[in-house]
Structures are given as C-alpha cells and as structure tokens.
Amino acid sequence: MKKKLIAASAFVLGLPLAQLCPALAADASAQADIKSGAVVISSDGHNIGAVDRVILDAARKTVAVSVIFDTRFVQIPVSTLSHKGEKLVTSFTNRQVEALP
C-alpha cells in the first residue's frame, strides 16, 4: 500500500519516482530488466542456467525466475538476484540451488 501511495504521489506531483523514493525506483528498475534467456550464476561462480520464465504475482510484480538446472526446473526468488553486466547473480550457492524443490 505504501509503495502504491508513493508512486501515485509522484505521478500527481509530476516528480520522478526516484526523487520521492530512490529504493522503490531501483527495485522496479531491477525487476523490469529481468528477461527470459538471461544467464543466472550462483554466488560461488557456477553457471545455474538461463531464465526460462519470469514469474509474476497477482500485482504483476516479478517474484521469481524459473531456470532449468540439472534437468529440472527450479524457482529462484528475485530478491536473491542482482545484475552483473548481462548476467544475473543469485546470492544462493550452487548447493543451495541444488536443494531447491
């Protein structure tokens, strides 16, 4: 609710969202940059795989990415991802990704 209020305030006031709430603008920007096909790397440098699907919640906010890892699909939370050039790096280690359901 608070995020929607900030975004609406920015619109009404004619201000850039980043001016009212830089963290909210950065979060929205990072999520918008996640695309199918992006390579995901673990925090210990292993190639996890390519993003097969971007998973959205009911509010159309990115919550996870689906990656084919070791012949199965795993879902990696977007909160663990950061950009490193063209690649995405998860804060999970290779072992932690192996343990995902």
C-alpha atoms as a PDB file:
ATOM      1  CA  MET A   1       0.000   0.000   0.000  1.00  0.00           C
ATOM      2  CA  LYS A   2       2.799   2.395   0.939  1.00  0.00           C
ATOM      3  CA  LYS A   3       4.590   1.790  -2.375  1.00  0.00           C
ATOM      4  CA  LYS A   4       1.410   2.499  -4.347  1.00  0.00           C
ATOM      5  CA  LEU A   5       0.865   5.713  -2.395  1.00  0.00           C
ATOM      6  CA  ILE A   6       4.419   6.889  -3.117  1.00  0.00           C
ATOM      7  CA  ALA A   7       4.072   6.055  -6.807  1.00  0.00           C
ATOM      8  CA  ALA A   8       0.697   7.825  -7.002  1.00  0.00           C
ATOM      9  CA  SER A   9       2.137  10.874  -5.211  1.00  0.00           C
ATOM     10  CA  ALA A  10       4.994  11.041  -7.696  1.00  0.00           C
ATOM     11  CA  PHE A  11       2.508  10.924 -10.575  1.00  0.00           C
ATOM     12  CA  VAL A  12       0.224  13.616  -9.104  1.00  0.00           C
ATOM     13  CA  LEU A  13       3.115  15.911  -8.220  1.00  0.00           C
ATOM     14  CA  GLY A  14       4.791  15.379 -11.560  1.00  0.00           C
ATOM     15  CA  LEU A  15       8.009  14.248  -9.888  1.00  0.00           C
ATOM     16  CA  PRO A  16      10.249  11.381 -10.942  1.00  0.00           C
ATOM     17  CA  LEU A  17       9.659   8.333  -8.731  1.00  0.00           C
ATOM     18  CA  ALA A  18      13.381   8.205  -7.970  1.00  0.00           C
ATOM     19  CA  GLN A  19      13.168  11.646  -6.377  1.00  0.00           C
ATOM     20  CA  LEU A  20      10.487  10.599  -3.864  1.00  0.00           C
ATOM     21  CA  CYS A  21      11.750   7.107  -3.127  1.00  0.00           C
ATOM     22  CA  PRO A  22      15.062   6.028  -4.708  1.00  0.00           C
ATOM     23  CA  ALA A  23      14.851   2.488  -3.278  1.00  0.00           C
ATOM     24  CA  LEU A  24      11.425   1.895  -4.812  1.00  0.00           C
ATOM     25  CA  ALA A  25      12.576   3.180  -8.202  1.00  0.00           C
ATOM     26  CA  ALA A  26      15.706   0.991  -8.116  1.00  0.00           C
ATOM     27  CA  ASP A  27      13.649  -2.078  -7.165  1.00  0.00           C
ATOM     28  CA  ALA A  28      11.219  -1.511 -10.042  1.00  0.00           C
ATOM     29  CA  SER A  29      14.062  -0.917 -12.488  1.00  0.00           C
ATOM     30  CA  ALA A  30      15.938  -4.090 -11.498  1.00  0.00           C
ATOM     31  CA  GLN A  31      12.804  -6.211 -11.854  1.00  0.00           C
ATOM     32  CA  ALA A  32      11.986  -4.747 -15.242  1.00  0.00           C
ATOM     33  CA  ASP A  33      15.434  -5.737 -16.503  1.00  0.00           C
ATOM     34  CA  ILE A  34      14.971  -9.479 -15.897  1.00  0.00           C
ATOM     35  CA  LYS A  35      14.283 -11.177 -19.209  1.00  0.00           C
ATOM     36  CA  SER A  36      13.836 -14.753 -20.384  1.00  0.00           C
ATOM     37  CA  GLY A  37      17.134 -16.147 -21.609  1.00  0.00           C
ATOM     38  CA  ALA A  38      19.287 -14.214 -19.112  1.00  0.00           C
ATOM     39  CA  VAL A  39      22.090 -16.351 -17.681  1.00  0.00           C
ATOM     40  CA  VAL A  40      21.983 -16.979 -13.911  1.00  0.00           C
ATOM     41  CA  ILE A  41      25.223 -17.536 -11.979  1.00  0.00           C
ATOM     42  CA  SER A  42      25.495 -18.761  -8.365  1.00  0.00           C
ATOM     43  CA  SER A  43      27.335 -16.738  -5.722  1.00  0.00           C
ATOM     44  CA  ASP A  44      30.201 -19.241  -5.906  1.00  0.00           C
ATOM     45  CA  GLY A  45      30.548 -18.778  -9.674  1.00  0.00           C
ATOM     46  CA  HIS A  46      28.721 -21.806 -11.090  1.00  0.00           C
ATOM     47  CA  ASN A  47      26.503 -21.456 -14.154  1.00  0.00           C
ATOM     48  CA  ILE A  48      22.975 -22.228 -12.947  1.00  0.00           C
ATOM     49  CA  GLY A  49      21.237 -21.875 -16.302  1.00  0.00           C
ATOM     50  CA  ALA A  50      19.182 -19.473 -18.374  1.00  0.00           C
ATOM     51  CA  VAL A  51      15.922 -17.879 -17.260  1.00  0.00           C
ATOM     52  CA  ASP A  52      13.137 -19.908 -18.831  1.00  0.00           C
ATOM     53  CA  ARG A  53      10.283 -17.887 -17.370  1.00  0.00           C
ATOM     54  CA  VAL A  54       9.789 -14.764 -15.273  1.00  0.00           C
ATOM     55  CA  ILE A  55       7.220 -15.429 -12.536  1.00  0.00           C
ATOM     56  CA  LEU A  56       4.847 -12.606 -11.572  1.00  0.00           C
ATOM     57  CA  ASP A  57       2.468 -12.240  -8.639  1.00  0.00           C
ATOM     58  CA  ALA A  58      -1.131 -11.004  -8.875  1.00  0.00           C
ATOM     59  CA  ALA A  59       0.090  -7.390  -8.919  1.00  0.00           C
ATOM     60  CA  ARG A  60       2.350  -8.216 -11.920  1.00  0.00           C
ATOM     61  CA  LYS A  61       5.456  -7.794  -9.772  1.00  0.00           C
ATOM     62  CA  THR A  62       8.367 -10.130 -10.526  1.00  0.00           C
ATOM     63  CA  VAL A  63       8.772 -12.574  -7.635  1.00  0.00           C
ATOM     64  CA  ALA A  64      10.970 -15.340  -9.076  1.00  0.00           C
ATOM     65  CA  VAL A  65      12.592 -16.743 -12.171  1.00  0.00           C
ATOM     66  CA  SER A  66      12.291 -20.313 -13.386  1.00  0.00           C
ATOM     67  CA  VAL A  67      15.570 -21.858 -14.535  1.00  0.00           C
ATOM     68  CA  ILE A  68      16.354 -25.323 -15.892  1.00  0.00           C
ATOM     69  CA  PHE A  69      19.017 -26.633 -13.517  1.00  0.00           C
ATOM     70  CA  ASP A  70      20.363 -30.168 -13.726  1.00  0.00           C
ATOM     71  CA  THR A  71      17.431 -31.377 -15.895  1.00  0.00           C
ATOM     72  CA  ARG A  72      14.712 -29.869 -13.676  1.00  0.00           C
ATOM     73  CA  PHE A  73      13.009 -26.533 -13.179  1.00  0.00           C
ATOM     74  CA  VAL A  74      13.911 -24.524 -10.071  1.00  0.00           C
ATOM     75  CA  GLN A  75      12.458 -21.203  -8.982  1.00  0.00           C
ATOM     76  CA  ILE A  76      14.945 -18.617  -7.761  1.00  0.00           C
ATOM     77  CA  PRO A  77      13.470 -15.692  -5.798  1.00  0.00           C
ATOM     78  CA  VAL A  78      14.078 -12.339  -7.454  1.00  0.00           C
ATOM     79  CA  SER A  79      15.136 -10.959  -4.056  1.00  0.00           C
ATOM     80  CA  THR A  80      18.311 -13.061  -4.364  1.00  0.00           C
ATOM     81  CA  LEU A  81      19.237 -11.715  -7.813  1.00  0.00           C
ATOM     82  CA  SER A  82      21.485  -8.852  -8.824  1.00  0.00           C
ATOM     83  CA  HIS A  83      22.838  -7.772 -12.186  1.00  0.00           C
ATOM     84  CA  LYS A  84      26.454  -8.280 -13.181  1.00  0.00           C
ATOM     85  CA  GLY A  85      26.723  -6.976 -16.710  1.00  0.00           C
ATOM     86  CA  GLU A  86      24.388  -9.033 -18.895  1.00  0.00           C
ATOM     87  CA  LYS A  87      24.161 -11.847 -16.315  1.00  0.00           C
ATOM     88  CA  LEU A  88      22.149 -12.316 -13.145  1.00  0.00           C
ATOM     89  CA  VAL A  89      23.914 -13.435  -9.979  1.00  0.00           C
ATOM     90  CA  THR A  90      21.971 -15.132  -7.198  1.00  0.00           C
ATOM     91  CA  SER A  91      23.086 -14.913  -3.586  1.00  0.00           C
ATOM     92  CA  PHE A  92      22.486 -18.696  -3.428  1.00  0.00           C
ATOM     93  CA  THR A  93      25.450 -21.039  -3.744  1.00  0.00           C
ATOM     94  CA  ASN A  94      25.352 -23.919  -6.202  1.00  0.00           C
ATOM     95  CA  ARG A  95      24.488 -26.290  -3.320  1.00  0.00           C
ATOM     96  CA  GLN A  96      21.610 -24.098  -2.209  1.00  0.00           C
ATOM     97  CA  VAL A  97      20.211 -24.124  -5.749  1.00  0.00           C
ATOM     98  CA  GLU A  98      20.574 -27.935  -5.820  1.00  0.00           C
ATOM     99  CA  ALA A  99      18.472 -28.071  -2.631  1.00  0.00           C
ATOM    100  CA  LEU A 100      15.601 -26.026  -4.088  1.00  0.00           C
ATOM    101  CA  PRO A 101      12.401 -28.025  -4.652  1.00  0.00           C
END
